[in-house]
Amino acid sequence: MTEFWESSFIEKQTMWGFEPSDSTILTKDFFLEKKVKDILIPGIGYGRNAKAFIENGINVTGIEISGTAIDLARQNGIGISIYHGSVTDMPFDNKLYDGIFSYALIHLLNNRERNKFIKDCYNQLKPNGYMIFTTVSKKAPMFGKGKQLSKDRFEIMEGVKMFFYDSDSVKREFGKYGLIEFEEIDESNKNFENKPPVKFIIVKCKKEL
């Protein structure tokens, strides 16, 4: 996984542009409404989504597997604290956050890694904190493509293994971690205008007192 993302960022640099994703904007608005001030973004990349939060006065800490992506974030003017490592090695600090936002990451993990990742995020939430995950849906065009690895999990191209969620798997994996709601969204490819939007699911959880 490290090698794949490192070579991707070396080759493609700021491959998704600098516009935040649609689900990031929805999450930013939700966090502002809930007065969330301090968030963790696992898989922060080069920071294109982080900027939406930073520009609205939210304190951001990141985790990123690719050193090149962290360098690109610095070049992009993002001077926040970013831990260099894989989310599978969380936690990187013992801090509790008001909010956690994970964009398009969890579906790249296997079953054991996903369960640990959700639990690790939940454990780093303050009471009444929120964690929001965006993940790829079984309605996405890539579902069923490539080599099937297990139920709903495919290697869609070399080095990219994806688990595709539906309502059952969302409830199964997030149910005991404060799941409050989830909804599908058409996530537009802002940097690739000729590409159709991809069906994502936004999963919202709250840590009760």
Protein backbone atom coordinates (compact mmCIF):
# COMPACT_ATOMS: atom_id res chain seq x y z
CA MET A 1 0.00 0.00 0.00
CA THR A 2 2.79 2.43 0.90
CA GLU A 3 4.64 1.81 -2.36
CA PHE A 4 1.48 2.19 -4.43
CA TRP A 5 0.56 5.57 -2.96
CA GLU A 6 4.12 6.82 -2.87
CA SER A 7 4.62 6.05 -6.58
CA SER A 8 1.16 7.49 -7.40
CA PHE A 9 1.96 10.83 -5.76
CA ILE A 10 5.46 10.92 -7.26
CA GLU A 11 4.04 10.29 -10.74
CA LYS A 12 0.72 12.18 -10.61
CA GLN A 13 1.46 14.80 -7.94
CA THR A 14 -1.71 16.79 -7.13
CA MET A 15 -3.79 14.36 -9.15
CA TRP A 16 -7.21 15.42 -7.85
CA GLY A 17 -6.63 19.15 -8.12
CA PHE A 18 -7.32 21.50 -5.21
CA GLU A 19 -11.12 21.69 -5.15
CA PRO A 20 -12.52 19.89 -2.07
CA SER A 21 -14.83 16.97 -2.75
CA ASP A 22 -18.61 17.41 -2.51
CA SER A 23 -18.78 15.23 0.61
CA THR A 24 -16.01 17.32 2.22
CA ILE A 25 -18.11 20.47 1.78
CA LEU A 26 -21.14 18.73 3.33
CA THR A 27 -18.97 17.53 6.24
CA LYS A 28 -17.44 20.98 6.76
CA ASP A 29 -20.92 22.51 6.97
CA PHE A 30 -22.03 19.81 9.42
CA PHE A 31 -18.94 20.28 11.62
CA LEU A 32 -19.48 24.05 11.68
CA GLU A 33 -23.15 23.56 12.63
CA LYS A 34 -22.11 21.22 15.46
CA LYS A 35 -19.32 23.61 16.57
CA VAL A 36 -16.62 21.01 15.94
CA LYS A 37 -13.28 22.80 16.40
CA ASP A 38 -10.55 20.16 16.31
CA ILE A 39 -10.47 17.28 13.82
CA LEU A 40 -8.31 14.40 12.67
CA ILE A 41 -8.11 13.51 8.97
CA PRO A 42 -6.63 10.04 8.40
CA GLY A 43 -5.39 9.78 4.81
CA ILE A 44 -5.02 13.53 4.37
CA GLY A 45 -3.09 13.21 1.09
CA TYR A 46 -1.76 16.56 -0.10
CA GLY A 47 -4.48 18.39 1.80
CA ARG A 48 -7.02 19.36 -0.84
CA ASN A 49 -9.92 18.47 1.49
CA ALA A 50 -8.20 19.72 4.64
CA LYS A 51 -8.16 23.28 3.29
CA ALA A 52 -11.97 23.52 3.47
CA PHE A 53 -11.81 22.95 7.24
CA ILE A 54 -8.70 25.06 7.90
CA GLU A 55 -10.16 28.03 6.00
CA ASN A 56 -13.23 27.85 8.27
CA GLY A 57 -11.27 28.00 11.51
CA ILE A 58 -11.22 24.29 12.29
CA ASN A 59 -7.96 22.91 13.67
CA VAL A 60 -6.78 19.92 11.59
CA THR A 61 -4.30 17.11 12.31
CA GLY A 62 -3.52 14.64 9.53
CA ILE A 63 -2.21 11.12 8.99
CA GLU A 64 -0.67 10.25 5.61
CA ILE A 65 1.12 7.16 4.31
CA SER A 66 2.98 8.95 1.50
CA GLY A 67 5.93 11.21 2.31
CA THR A 68 5.60 12.75 -1.16
CA ALA A 69 1.97 13.68 -0.44
CA ILE A 70 3.06 15.37 2.82
CA ASP A 71 5.72 17.33 0.88
CA LEU A 72 3.03 18.39 -1.63
CA ALA A 73 0.80 19.51 1.26
CA ARG A 74 3.64 21.68 2.56
CA GLN A 75 4.13 23.17 -0.92
CA ASN A 76 0.37 23.76 -0.94
CA GLY A 77 0.74 25.97 2.14
CA ILE A 78 -0.58 23.45 4.65
CA GLY A 79 1.54 23.82 7.77
CA ILE A 80 -0.51 21.66 10.14
CA SER A 81 0.72 18.61 12.06
CA ILE A 82 0.72 15.51 9.80
CA TYR A 83 1.81 12.10 11.09
CA HIS A 84 3.69 10.07 8.47
CA GLY A 85 2.41 6.51 8.55
CA SER A 86 -0.41 4.11 7.74
CA VAL A 87 -3.84 4.39 9.36
CA THR A 88 -3.46 0.70 10.18
CA ASP A 89 -0.89 1.81 12.77
CA MET A 90 -3.21 4.23 14.58
CA PRO A 91 -3.19 5.80 17.08
CA PHE A 92 -0.32 8.21 16.46
CA ASP A 93 -1.18 10.35 19.48
CA ASN A 94 -3.33 9.98 22.59
CA LYS A 95 -5.37 13.07 21.85
CA LEU A 96 -9.17 13.05 21.64
CA TYR A 97 -10.80 14.99 18.80
CA ASP A 98 -14.19 16.70 18.35
CA GLY A 99 -14.44 15.22 14.87
CA ILE A 100 -12.79 12.76 12.49
CA PHE A 101 -13.19 12.84 8.71
CA SER A 102 -12.01 10.02 6.49
CA TYR A 103 -12.48 10.50 2.76
CA ALA A 104 -12.34 7.57 0.31
CA LEU A 105 -9.94 5.54 2.43
CA ILE A 106 -11.72 2.83 4.39
CA HIS A 107 -12.73 0.86 1.29
CA LEU A 108 -9.01 0.34 0.48
CA LEU A 109 -8.56 -1.73 3.65
CA ASN A 110 -9.26 -5.41 4.21
CA ASN A 111 -11.87 -6.64 6.67
CA ARG A 112 -9.56 -6.81 9.70
CA GLU A 113 -8.01 -3.42 8.90
CA ARG A 114 -11.42 -1.77 8.41
CA ASN A 115 -12.67 -3.01 11.78
CA LYS A 116 -9.53 -1.81 13.53
CA PHE A 117 -9.65 1.56 11.73
CA ILE A 118 -13.26 2.26 12.74
CA LYS A 119 -12.52 1.26 16.34
CA ASP A 120 -9.32 3.35 16.43
CA CYS A 121 -11.17 6.41 15.13
CA TYR A 122 -13.99 5.93 17.63
CA ASN A 123 -11.47 5.62 20.46
CA GLN A 124 -9.97 9.01 19.51
CA LEU A 125 -13.30 10.83 19.64
CA LYS A 126 -14.34 13.00 22.55
CA PRO A 127 -17.74 12.20 24.06
CA ASN A 128 -20.38 13.74 21.76
CA GLY A 129 -17.77 13.83 18.98
CA TYR A 130 -18.61 12.91 15.39
CA MET A 131 -16.80 10.77 12.86
CA ILE A 132 -17.71 10.84 9.19
CA PHE A 133 -16.49 8.37 6.58
CA THR A 134 -17.04 8.55 2.84
CA THR A 135 -16.72 5.25 1.08
CA VAL A 136 -17.47 3.73 -2.29
CA SER A 137 -20.87 2.15 -2.90
CA LYS A 138 -21.75 -1.10 -4.64
CA LYS A 139 -23.58 1.14 -7.13
CA ALA A 140 -20.26 2.61 -8.29
CA PRO A 141 -19.24 1.65 -11.86
CA MET A 142 -16.09 -0.14 -10.65
CA PHE A 143 -18.06 -2.68 -8.61
CA GLY A 144 -17.49 -6.21 -9.88
CA LYS A 145 -14.54 -5.22 -12.07
CA GLY A 146 -11.18 -6.97 -11.90
CA LYS A 147 -10.36 -9.92 -9.68
CA GLN A 148 -12.73 -10.84 -6.87
CA LEU A 149 -10.87 -11.27 -3.56
CA SER A 150 -13.82 -11.91 -1.24
CA LYS A 151 -17.47 -10.88 -0.92
CA ASP A 152 -17.84 -7.32 -2.33
CA ARG A 153 -14.04 -6.87 -2.49
CA PHE A 154 -12.17 -6.65 -5.79
CA GLU A 155 -8.72 -5.82 -7.08
CA ILE A 156 -9.99 -3.36 -9.67
CA MET A 157 -6.49 -2.75 -11.04
CA GLU A 158 -3.03 -3.80 -9.97
CA GLY A 159 -2.39 -2.61 -6.42
CA VAL A 160 -5.91 -1.18 -5.87
CA LYS A 161 -8.11 -3.44 -3.76
CA MET A 162 -11.55 -2.07 -2.95
CA PHE A 163 -14.38 -3.13 -0.69
CA PHE A 164 -17.78 -1.87 -1.89
CA TYR A 165 -20.34 -0.96 0.77
CA ASP A 166 -24.12 -1.27 0.85
CA SER A 167 -26.61 -0.59 3.65
CA ASP A 168 -26.06 -4.03 5.20
CA SER A 169 -22.27 -3.73 5.42
CA VAL A 170 -22.51 -0.14 6.70
CA LYS A 171 -24.81 -1.26 9.52
CA ARG A 172 -22.67 -4.32 10.26
CA GLU A 173 -19.34 -2.46 10.45
CA PHE A 174 -20.40 0.89 11.96
CA GLY A 175 -23.44 -0.20 13.98
CA LYS A 176 -21.66 -0.58 17.31
CA TYR A 177 -19.71 2.66 16.86
CA GLY A 178 -22.48 5.21 17.19
CA LEU A 179 -23.93 5.02 13.67
CA ILE A 180 -26.58 7.74 13.37
CA GLU A 181 -27.20 7.92 9.62
CA PHE A 182 -25.82 7.22 6.17
CA GLU A 183 -26.74 8.39 2.70
CA GLU A 184 -25.63 7.95 -0.88
CA ILE A 185 -24.05 10.82 -2.76
CA ASP A 186 -22.95 11.31 -6.36
CA GLU A 187 -19.33 12.37 -5.84
CA SER A 188 -18.31 14.41 -8.87
CA ASN A 189 -14.86 14.07 -10.42
CA LYS A 190 -14.00 17.76 -10.27
CA ASN A 191 -10.55 17.42 -11.80
CA PHE A 192 -11.74 15.02 -14.52
CA GLU A 193 -14.73 16.65 -16.18
CA ASN A 194 -15.16 13.83 -18.69
CA LYS A 195 -15.53 11.24 -15.91
CA PRO A 196 -19.03 10.53 -14.52
CA PRO A 197 -19.71 10.97 -10.80
CA VAL A 198 -19.13 7.97 -8.54
CA LYS A 199 -21.69 6.68 -6.04
CA PHE A 200 -20.33 7.14 -2.54
CA ILE A 201 -21.89 6.57 0.87
CA ILE A 202 -21.43 9.14 3.65
CA VAL A 203 -21.47 7.40 7.03
CA LYS A 204 -22.05 9.52 10.13
CA CYS A 205 -21.36 8.31 13.69
CA LYS A 206 -21.58 10.01 17.10
CA LYS A 207 -19.83 8.98 20.28
CA GLU A 208 -22.40 9.07 23.04
CA LEU A 209 -21.49 10.12 26.57
